[in-house]
PDB file of N, CA and C in Angstrom:
ATOM      1  N   MET A   1      29.982  54.369 -30.388  1.00  0.00           N
ATOM      2  CA  MET A   1      28.932  54.245 -29.722  1.00  0.00           C
ATOM      3  C   MET A   1      28.557  52.802 -29.657  1.00  0.00           C
ATOM      4  N   ALA A   2      29.543  52.044 -30.263  1.00  0.00           N
ATOM      5  CA  ALA A   2      29.594  50.251 -29.843  1.00  0.00           C
ATOM      6  C   ALA A   2      30.135  50.143 -28.462  1.00  0.00           C
ATOM      7  N   ASP A   3      30.899  51.248 -28.454  1.00  0.00           N
ATOM      8  CA  ASP A   3      32.046  51.083 -26.911  1.00  0.00           C
ATOM      9  C   ASP A   3      31.207  51.533 -25.572  1.00  0.00           C
ATOM     10  N   LYS A   4      29.954  52.596 -26.371  1.00  0.00           N
ATOM     11  CA  LYS A   4      29.009  52.331 -24.961  1.00  0.00           C
ATOM     12  C   LYS A   4      28.291  51.628 -24.888  1.00  0.00           C
ATOM     13  N   LYS A   5      27.683  50.438 -25.584  1.00  0.00           N
ATOM     14  CA  LYS A   5      26.732  49.511 -25.372  1.00  0.00           C
ATOM     15  C   LYS A   5      27.641  48.316 -24.882  1.00  0.00           C
ATOM     16  N   LYS A   6      28.916  48.363 -25.214  1.00  0.00           N
ATOM     17  CA  LYS A   6      29.954  47.316 -24.054  1.00  0.00           C
ATOM     18  C   LYS A   6      30.192  47.879 -23.174  1.00  0.00           C
ATOM     19  N   GLN A   7      30.262  48.936 -22.649  1.00  0.00           N
ATOM     20  CA  GLN A   7      30.141  49.295 -21.382  1.00  0.00           C
ATOM     21  C   GLN A   7      28.983  49.218 -20.743  1.00  0.00           C
ATOM     22  N   ALA A   8      27.521  49.368 -21.174  1.00  0.00           N
ATOM     23  CA  ALA A   8      26.628  49.319 -20.632  1.00  0.00           C
ATOM     24  C   ALA A   8      26.054  48.139 -20.534  1.00  0.00           C
ATOM     25  N   ASN A   9      26.710  47.014 -21.034  1.00  0.00           N
ATOM     26  CA  ASN A   9      26.095  45.578 -20.867  1.00  0.00           C
ATOM     27  C   ASN A   9      27.250  45.091 -20.352  1.00  0.00           C
ATOM     28  N   ALA A  10      28.463  45.497 -19.856  1.00  0.00           N
ATOM     29  CA  ALA A  10      29.567  44.944 -19.099  1.00  0.00           C
ATOM     30  C   ALA A  10      29.000  44.404 -17.538  1.00  0.00           C
ATOM     31  N   GLY A  11      28.070  45.050 -16.815  1.00  0.00           N
ATOM     32  CA  GLY A  11      27.884  44.540 -15.939  1.00  0.00           C
ATOM     33  C   GLY A  11      26.744  43.522 -15.391  1.00  0.00           C
ATOM     34  N   ALA A  12      25.848  43.504 -16.971  1.00  0.00           N
ATOM     35  CA  ALA A  12      24.691  42.646 -17.087  1.00  0.00           C
ATOM     36  C   ALA A  12      25.113  41.445 -17.238  1.00  0.00           C
ATOM     37  N   GLY A  13      25.822  40.856 -17.652  1.00  0.00           N
ATOM     38  CA  GLY A  13      26.288  39.047 -17.555  1.00  0.00           C
ATOM     39  C   GLY A  13      27.326  38.772 -16.896  1.00  0.00           C
ATOM     40  N   SER A  14      27.870  39.158 -15.955  1.00  0.00           N
ATOM     41  CA  SER A  14      29.231  39.300 -15.682  1.00  0.00           C
ATOM     42  C   SER A  14      29.041  38.046 -14.688  1.00  0.00           C
ATOM     43  N   GLY A  15      28.488  37.112 -14.748  1.00  0.00           N
ATOM     44  CA  GLY A  15      28.544  36.012 -13.878  1.00  0.00           C
ATOM     45  C   GLY A  15      28.132  36.017 -12.594  1.00  0.00           C
ATOM     46  N   GLY A  16      27.291  37.312 -12.008  1.00  0.00           N
ATOM     47  CA  GLY A  16      26.962  37.674 -10.796  1.00  0.00           C
ATOM     48  C   GLY A  16      25.541  36.481 -10.338  1.00  0.00           C
ATOM     49  N   LYS A  17      25.337  36.667  -9.069  1.00  0.00           N
ATOM     50  CA  LYS A  17      24.241  35.686  -8.619  1.00  0.00           C
ATOM     51  C   LYS A  17      22.830  36.651  -9.200  1.00  0.00           C
ATOM     52  N   ALA A  18      21.754  35.975  -9.662  1.00  0.00           N
ATOM     53  CA  ALA A  18      20.768  36.753  -9.703  1.00  0.00           C
ATOM     54  C   ALA A  18      20.134  37.182  -8.517  1.00  0.00           C
ATOM     55  N   VAL A  19      19.330  38.068  -8.377  1.00  0.00           N
ATOM     56  CA  VAL A  19      18.797  38.574  -7.364  1.00  0.00           C
ATOM     57  C   VAL A  19      17.516  37.874  -6.979  1.00  0.00           C
ATOM     58  N   GLU A  20      16.770  37.205  -5.913  1.00  0.00           N
ATOM     59  CA  GLU A  20      15.654  36.763  -5.614  1.00  0.00           C
ATOM     60  C   GLU A  20      15.172  37.357  -5.282  1.00  0.00           C
ATOM     61  N   PRO A  21      13.958  37.181  -5.328  1.00  0.00           N
ATOM     62  CA  PRO A  21      12.571  38.101  -4.066  1.00  0.00           C
ATOM     63  C   PRO A  21      12.723  37.865  -2.986  1.00  0.00           C
ATOM     64  N   ALA A  22      12.425  38.455  -1.946  1.00  0.00           N
ATOM     65  CA  ALA A  22      12.653  37.618  -0.559  1.00  0.00           C
ATOM     66  C   ALA A  22      11.287  36.864  -0.500  1.00  0.00           C
ATOM     67  N   PRO A  23      11.338  35.594  -0.008  1.00  0.00           N
ATOM     68  CA  PRO A  23       9.643  34.535  -0.025  1.00  0.00           C
ATOM     69  C   PRO A  23       8.830  35.689   0.960  1.00  0.00           C
ATOM     70  N   GLN A  24       7.394  35.150   0.649  1.00  0.00           N
ATOM     71  CA  GLN A  24       6.352  36.119   1.378  1.00  0.00           C
ATOM     72  C   GLN A  24       6.118  35.088   2.333  1.00  0.00           C
ATOM     73  N   PRO A  25       5.829  35.788   3.410  1.00  0.00           N
ATOM     74  CA  PRO A  25       5.057  34.781   4.480  1.00  0.00           C
ATOM     75  C   PRO A  25       4.330  34.163   4.245  1.00  0.00           C
ATOM     76  N   ALA A  26       3.844  33.073   4.839  1.00  0.00           N
ATOM     77  CA  ALA A  26       2.501  32.080   4.796  1.00  0.00           C
ATOM     78  C   ALA A  26       1.267  32.922   5.171  1.00  0.00           C
ATOM     79  N   PRO A  27       0.092  33.087   4.673  1.00  0.00           N
ATOM     80  CA  PRO A  27      -0.830  33.796   5.300  1.00  0.00           C
ATOM     81  C   PRO A  27      -1.311  32.931   6.008  1.00  0.00           C
ATOM     82  N   SER A  28      -1.935  34.055   7.137  1.00  0.00           N
ATOM     83  CA  SER A  28      -2.427  33.464   8.650  1.00  0.00           C
ATOM     84  C   SER A  28      -3.805  32.310   8.348  1.00  0.00           C
ATOM     85  N   LEU A  29      -4.122  31.672   9.250  1.00  0.00           N
ATOM     86  CA  LEU A  29      -5.080  31.209   9.156  1.00  0.00           C
ATOM     87  C   LEU A  29      -6.595  32.046   9.042  1.00  0.00           C
ATOM     88  N   PHE A  30      -7.013  33.156   9.461  1.00  0.00           N
ATOM     89  CA  PHE A  30      -7.652  34.001   9.393  1.00  0.00           C
ATOM     90  C   PHE A  30      -7.931  34.457   7.961  1.00  0.00           C
ATOM     91  N   THR A  31      -6.953  34.550   7.437  1.00  0.00           N
ATOM     92  CA  THR A  31      -6.542  35.034   5.986  1.00  0.00           C
ATOM     93  C   THR A  31      -6.965  33.729   5.014  1.00  0.00           C
ATOM     94  N   ARG A  32      -6.715  32.716   5.419  1.00  0.00           N
ATOM     95  CA  ARG A  32      -7.030  31.510   4.238  1.00  0.00           C
ATOM     96  C   ARG A  32      -8.492  31.251   4.302  1.00  0.00           C
ATOM     97  N   LEU A  33      -9.277  31.637   5.760  1.00  0.00           N
ATOM     98  CA  LEU A  33     -10.442  31.380   6.340  1.00  0.00           C
ATOM     99  C   LEU A  33     -11.214  32.652   5.054  1.00  0.00           C
ATOM    100  N   MET A  34     -10.881  33.411   5.262  1.00  0.00           N
ATOM    101  CA  MET A  34     -11.698  34.666   4.796  1.00  0.00           C
ATOM    102  C   MET A  34     -11.633  34.414   3.038  1.00  0.00           C
ATOM    103  N   ARG A  35     -10.762  33.574   2.714  1.00  0.00           N
ATOM    104  CA  ARG A  35     -10.841  33.334   1.135  1.00  0.00           C
ATOM    105  C   ARG A  35     -11.328  32.192   0.878  1.00  0.00           C
ATOM    106  N   ALA A  36     -11.784  31.730   1.422  1.00  0.00           N
ATOM    107  CA  ALA A  36     -12.586  30.715   1.301  1.00  0.00           C
ATOM    108  C   ALA A  36     -13.952  30.541   0.400  1.00  0.00           C
ATOM    109  N   PRO A  37     -14.870  31.355   0.540  1.00  0.00           N
ATOM    110  CA  PRO A  37     -16.236  31.447   0.015  1.00  0.00           C
ATOM    111  C   PRO A  37     -15.735  31.855  -1.636  1.00  0.00           C
ATOM    112  N   GLN A  38     -14.593  32.679  -1.680  1.00  0.00           N
ATOM    113  CA  GLN A  38     -14.274  33.165  -2.939  1.00  0.00           C
ATOM    114  C   GLN A  38     -13.563  31.673  -3.868  1.00  0.00           C
ATOM    115  N   PHE A  39     -12.816  30.944  -2.916  1.00  0.00           N
ATOM    116  CA  PHE A  39     -12.496  29.816  -3.206  1.00  0.00           C
ATOM    117  C   PHE A  39     -13.550  28.887  -4.159  1.00  0.00           C
ATOM    118  N   PHE A  40     -14.697  28.588  -3.296  1.00  0.00           N
ATOM    119  CA  PHE A  40     -15.192  27.666  -3.426  1.00  0.00           C
ATOM    120  C   PHE A  40     -16.579  28.111  -4.511  1.00  0.00           C
ATOM    121  N   ALA A  41     -16.392  29.532  -4.549  1.00  0.00           N
ATOM    122  CA  ALA A  41     -17.351  30.029  -5.888  1.00  0.00           C
ATOM    123  C   ALA A  41     -16.406  29.832  -7.218  1.00  0.00           C
ATOM    124  N   GLU A  42     -14.851  30.254  -6.987  1.00  0.00           N
ATOM    125  CA  GLU A  42     -14.467  29.421  -8.513  1.00  0.00           C
ATOM    126  C   GLU A  42     -14.472  27.972  -8.479  1.00  0.00           C
ATOM    127  N   VAL A  43     -14.154  27.397  -7.339  1.00  0.00           N
ATOM    128  CA  VAL A  43     -14.422  26.041  -7.669  1.00  0.00           C
ATOM    129  C   VAL A  43     -15.745  25.712  -8.531  1.00  0.00           C
ATOM    130  N   ARG A  44     -16.774  26.344  -8.173  1.00  0.00           N
ATOM    131  CA  ARG A  44     -18.266  26.061  -8.687  1.00  0.00           C
ATOM    132  C   ARG A  44     -18.561  26.667  -9.801  1.00  0.00           C
ATOM    133  N   GLN A  45     -17.605  27.503 -10.304  1.00  0.00           N
ATOM    134  CA  GLN A  45     -17.434  28.156 -11.577  1.00  0.00           C
ATOM    135  C   GLN A  45     -16.632  27.163 -12.547  1.00  0.00           C
ATOM    136  N   GLU A  46     -15.655  26.536 -12.140  1.00  0.00           N
ATOM    137  CA  GLU A  46     -15.000  25.765 -12.889  1.00  0.00           C
ATOM    138  C   GLU A  46     -15.832  24.508 -13.455  1.00  0.00           C
ATOM    139  N   ALA A  47     -16.405  23.889 -12.156  1.00  0.00           N
ATOM    140  CA  ALA A  47     -17.134  22.723 -12.559  1.00  0.00           C
ATOM    141  C   ALA A  47     -18.211  22.572 -13.376  1.00  0.00           C
ATOM    142  N   LEU A  48     -18.985  23.871 -13.187  1.00  0.00           N
ATOM    143  CA  LEU A  48     -19.928  24.272 -14.581  1.00  0.00           C
ATOM    144  C   LEU A  48     -19.847  24.143 -16.205  1.00  0.00           C
ATOM    145  N   LYS A  49     -18.297  24.547 -15.890  1.00  0.00           N
ATOM    146  CA  LYS A  49     -17.668  24.383 -17.406  1.00  0.00           C
ATOM    147  C   LYS A  49     -17.452  22.813 -18.082  1.00  0.00           C
ATOM    148  N   VAL A  50     -17.726  21.827 -16.975  1.00  0.00           N
ATOM    149  CA  VAL A  50     -17.202  20.363 -17.159  1.00  0.00           C
ATOM    150  C   VAL A  50     -18.099  19.887 -18.044  1.00  0.00           C
ATOM    151  N   THR A  51     -17.609  19.259 -18.845  1.00  0.00           N
ATOM    152  CA  THR A  51     -18.652  18.607 -19.954  1.00  0.00           C
ATOM    153  C   THR A  51     -18.860  17.164 -19.352  1.00  0.00           C
ATOM    154  N   TRP A  52     -20.054  16.711 -18.583  1.00  0.00           N
ATOM    155  CA  TRP A  52     -19.980  15.624 -17.971  1.00  0.00           C
ATOM    156  C   TRP A  52     -20.396  14.708 -18.991  1.00  0.00           C
ATOM    157  N   PRO A  53     -20.113  13.088 -19.061  1.00  0.00           N
ATOM    158  CA  PRO A  53     -20.372  12.337 -19.773  1.00  0.00           C
ATOM    159  C   PRO A  53     -22.082  11.935 -19.733  1.00  0.00           C
ATOM    160  N   THR A  54     -22.802  11.811 -20.629  1.00  0.00           N
ATOM    161  CA  THR A  54     -24.281  11.130 -20.400  1.00  0.00           C
ATOM    162  C   THR A  54     -24.297   9.467 -19.755  1.00  0.00           C
ATOM    163  N   TRP A  55     -25.154   8.930 -19.452  1.00  0.00           N
ATOM    164  CA  TRP A  55     -25.126   7.534 -18.698  1.00  0.00           C
ATOM    165  C   TRP A  55     -24.928   6.657 -19.430  1.00  0.00           C
ATOM    166  N   ASP A  56     -25.396   6.732 -21.326  1.00  0.00           N
ATOM    167  CA  ASP A  56     -24.857   5.870 -22.228  1.00  0.00           C
ATOM    168  C   ASP A  56     -23.423   6.018 -22.476  1.00  0.00           C
ATOM    169  N   GLU A  57     -22.272   6.871 -22.464  1.00  0.00           N
ATOM    170  CA  GLU A  57     -21.548   7.239 -22.632  1.00  0.00           C
ATOM    171  C   GLU A  57     -20.743   6.381 -21.167  1.00  0.00           C
ATOM    172  N   THR A  58     -20.887   6.633 -20.067  1.00  0.00           N
ATOM    173  CA  THR A  58     -20.371   6.089 -18.914  1.00  0.00           C
ATOM    174  C   THR A  58     -20.764   4.485 -18.949  1.00  0.00           C
ATOM    175  N   ARG A  59     -21.969   4.149 -19.654  1.00  0.00           N
ATOM    176  CA  ARG A  59     -22.147   2.593 -19.879  1.00  0.00           C
ATOM    177  C   ARG A  59     -21.249   1.721 -20.448  1.00  0.00           C
ATOM    178  N   VAL A  60     -21.167   2.688 -21.803  1.00  0.00           N
ATOM    179  CA  VAL A  60     -19.975   1.958 -22.621  1.00  0.00           C
ATOM    180  C   VAL A  60     -18.646   2.085 -22.028  1.00  0.00           C
ATOM    181  N   THR A  61     -18.250   3.142 -21.915  1.00  0.00           N
ATOM    182  CA  THR A  61     -16.948   2.925 -21.510  1.00  0.00           C
ATOM    183  C   THR A  61     -16.356   1.835 -20.221  1.00  0.00           C
ATOM    184  N   THR A  62     -17.551   1.737 -19.379  1.00  0.00           N
ATOM    185  CA  THR A  62     -17.102   0.912 -18.452  1.00  0.00           C
ATOM    186  C   THR A  62     -17.208  -0.294 -18.812  1.00  0.00           C
ATOM    187  N   ILE A  63     -17.959  -0.454 -19.793  1.00  0.00           N
ATOM    188  CA  ILE A  63     -17.972  -2.397 -20.298  1.00  0.00           C
ATOM    189  C   ILE A  63     -16.502  -2.239 -21.131  1.00  0.00           C
ATOM    190  N   ALA A  64     -16.267  -1.182 -21.833  1.00  0.00           N
ATOM    191  CA  ALA A  64     -15.092  -1.394 -22.711  1.00  0.00           C
ATOM    192  C   ALA A  64     -13.588  -1.479 -21.656  1.00  0.00           C
ATOM    193  N   VAL A  65     -13.770  -1.081 -20.488  1.00  0.00           N
ATOM    194  CA  VAL A  65     -12.751  -1.159 -19.472  1.00  0.00           C
ATOM    195  C   VAL A  65     -12.771  -2.503 -19.104  1.00  0.00           C
ATOM    196  N   PHE A  66     -13.806  -3.186 -18.648  1.00  0.00           N
ATOM    197  CA  PHE A  66     -14.049  -4.581 -18.364  1.00  0.00           C
ATOM    198  C   PHE A  66     -13.484  -5.539 -19.249  1.00  0.00           C
ATOM    199  N   ILE A  67     -13.955  -5.125 -20.818  1.00  0.00           N
ATOM    200  CA  ILE A  67     -13.609  -5.954 -21.692  1.00  0.00           C
ATOM    201  C   ILE A  67     -11.998  -6.120 -21.726  1.00  0.00           C
ATOM    202  N   MET A  68     -11.254  -4.553 -21.850  1.00  0.00           N
ATOM    203  CA  MET A  68      -9.433  -4.647 -21.314  1.00  0.00           C
ATOM    204  C   MET A  68      -9.110  -5.209 -20.537  1.00  0.00           C
ATOM    205  N   ILE A  69      -9.526  -5.201 -19.336  1.00  0.00           N
ATOM    206  CA  ILE A  69      -9.496  -5.608 -18.420  1.00  0.00           C
ATOM    207  C   ILE A  69      -9.135  -7.664 -18.254  1.00  0.00           C
ATOM    208  N   ALA A  70     -10.352  -7.891 -19.230  1.00  0.00           N
ATOM    209  CA  ALA A  70     -10.591  -9.471 -19.561  1.00  0.00           C
ATOM    210  C   ALA A  70      -9.176  -9.627 -20.411  1.00  0.00           C
ATOM    211  N   MET A  71      -8.792  -8.885 -21.329  1.00  0.00           N
ATOM    212  CA  MET A  71      -7.986  -9.131 -22.487  1.00  0.00           C
ATOM    213  C   MET A  71      -6.500  -9.495 -21.932  1.00  0.00           C
ATOM    214  N   ALA A  72      -6.522  -8.033 -20.912  1.00  0.00           N
ATOM    215  CA  ALA A  72      -4.944  -8.137 -20.318  1.00  0.00           C
ATOM    216  C   ALA A  72      -4.878  -9.311 -19.419  1.00  0.00           C
ATOM    217  N   ILE A  73      -6.180 -10.017 -18.531  1.00  0.00           N
ATOM    218  CA  ILE A  73      -5.883 -11.224 -17.650  1.00  0.00           C
ATOM    219  C   ILE A  73      -5.514 -12.207 -18.685  1.00  0.00           C
ATOM    220  N   VAL A  74      -6.355 -12.520 -19.605  1.00  0.00           N
ATOM    221  CA  VAL A  74      -5.767 -13.920 -20.749  1.00  0.00           C
ATOM    222  C   VAL A  74      -4.357 -13.685 -21.338  1.00  0.00           C
ATOM    223  N   PHE A  75      -4.187 -12.308 -21.579  1.00  0.00           N
ATOM    224  CA  PHE A  75      -2.721 -12.499 -22.233  1.00  0.00           C
ATOM    225  C   PHE A  75      -1.778 -12.599 -21.275  1.00  0.00           C
ATOM    226  N   PHE A  76      -1.952 -12.066 -19.511  1.00  0.00           N
ATOM    227  CA  PHE A  76      -0.761 -12.488 -19.014  1.00  0.00           C
ATOM    228  C   PHE A  76      -0.925 -13.950 -18.358  1.00  0.00           C
ATOM    229  N   ALA A  77      -1.951 -14.613 -18.242  1.00  0.00           N
ATOM    230  CA  ALA A  77      -2.048 -15.623 -18.051  1.00  0.00           C
ATOM    231  C   ALA A  77      -1.487 -16.609 -19.253  1.00  0.00           C
ATOM    232  N   LEU A  78      -1.486 -16.471 -20.631  1.00  0.00           N
ATOM    233  CA  LEU A  78      -0.715 -16.997 -21.418  1.00  0.00           C
ATOM    234  C   LEU A  78       0.720 -16.541 -21.259  1.00  0.00           C
ATOM    235  N   VAL A  79       0.920 -15.289 -21.130  1.00  0.00           N
ATOM    236  CA  VAL A  79       2.375 -15.164 -21.096  1.00  0.00           C
ATOM    237  C   VAL A  79       3.087 -16.118 -20.230  1.00  0.00           C
ATOM    238  N   ASP A  80       2.248 -16.105 -18.681  1.00  0.00           N
ATOM    239  CA  ASP A  80       2.795 -16.814 -17.475  1.00  0.00           C
ATOM    240  C   ASP A  80       2.840 -18.383 -17.801  1.00  0.00           C
ATOM    241  N   PHE A  81       1.653 -18.819 -18.292  1.00  0.00           N
ATOM    242  CA  PHE A  81       1.852 -20.328 -18.707  1.00  0.00           C
ATOM    243  C   PHE A  81       3.090 -20.547 -19.904  1.00  0.00           C
ATOM    244  N   VAL A  82       3.761 -19.824 -20.774  1.00  0.00           N
ATOM    245  CA  VAL A  82       4.356 -20.116 -21.327  1.00  0.00           C
ATOM    246  C   VAL A  82       5.707 -20.226 -21.062  1.00  0.00           C
ATOM    247  N   ILE A  83       5.844 -19.281 -20.526  1.00  0.00           N
ATOM    248  CA  ILE A  83       7.308 -18.960 -19.520  1.00  0.00           C
ATOM    249  C   ILE A  83       7.487 -19.859 -18.355  1.00  0.00           C
ATOM    250  N   SER A  84       6.242 -20.288 -17.783  1.00  0.00           N
ATOM    251  CA  SER A  84       6.968 -21.156 -16.739  1.00  0.00           C
ATOM    252  C   SER A  84       6.914 -22.282 -17.438  1.00  0.00           C
ATOM    253  N   THR A  85       6.268 -23.050 -18.328  1.00  0.00           N
ATOM    254  CA  THR A  85       6.550 -24.104 -19.199  1.00  0.00           C
ATOM    255  C   THR A  85       7.881 -24.152 -19.982  1.00  0.00           C
ATOM    256  N   ALA A  86       8.201 -23.112 -20.362  1.00  0.00           N
ATOM    257  CA  ALA A  86       9.591 -23.309 -20.568  1.00  0.00           C
ATOM    258  C   ALA A  86      10.655 -23.318 -19.501  1.00  0.00           C
ATOM    259  N   VAL A  87      10.713 -22.637 -18.612  1.00  0.00           N
ATOM    260  CA  VAL A  87      11.495 -22.902 -17.231  1.00  0.00           C
ATOM    261  C   VAL A  87      11.203 -24.061 -16.702  1.00  0.00           C
ATOM    262  N   LYS A  88      10.169 -25.012 -16.766  1.00  0.00           N
ATOM    263  CA  LYS A  88      10.267 -26.123 -16.601  1.00  0.00           C
ATOM    264  C   LYS A  88      10.919 -27.084 -16.976  1.00  0.00           C
ATOM    265  N   TRP A  89      10.414 -27.085 -18.727  1.00  0.00           N
ATOM    266  CA  TRP A  89      11.490 -28.045 -19.645  1.00  0.00           C
ATOM    267  C   TRP A  89      13.094 -27.649 -19.384  1.00  0.00           C
ATOM    268  N   ILE A  90      13.631 -26.194 -19.480  1.00  0.00           N
ATOM    269  CA  ILE A  90      14.739 -26.023 -19.386  1.00  0.00           C
ATOM    270  C   ILE A  90      15.382 -26.689 -17.847  1.00  0.00           C
ATOM    271  N   LEU A  91      14.627 -26.336 -17.040  1.00  0.00           N
ATOM    272  CA  LEU A  91      15.245 -26.938 -15.620  1.00  0.00           C
ATOM    273  C   LEU A  91      14.926 -28.489 -15.683  1.00  0.00           C
ATOM    274  N   GLY A  92      14.206 -29.371 -16.262  1.00  0.00           N
ATOM    275  CA  GLY A  92      13.723 -30.552 -16.364  1.00  0.00           C
ATOM    276  C   GLY A  92      12.938 -30.878 -15.517  1.00  0.00           C
TER     277      GLY A  92
END
């Protein structure tokens, strides 16, 4: 029985190339235009599933972004000042 399994599997991993399916031709412009209403209906369905932020949430996150930008500006300005001072001191 083990010999039959070996014989059955002998062709299965023999290192041959895998057969790939033939590439499908691109759909025509007319076919794509006919599918457009269905596509936009699906887009609308997915957009209705989105949980949109409230105006308060948008305002708070916008303020947080501006605060983080200001902190990044201060940080990089300090790093730039320290490095440029060190380079000027080293080069004399």
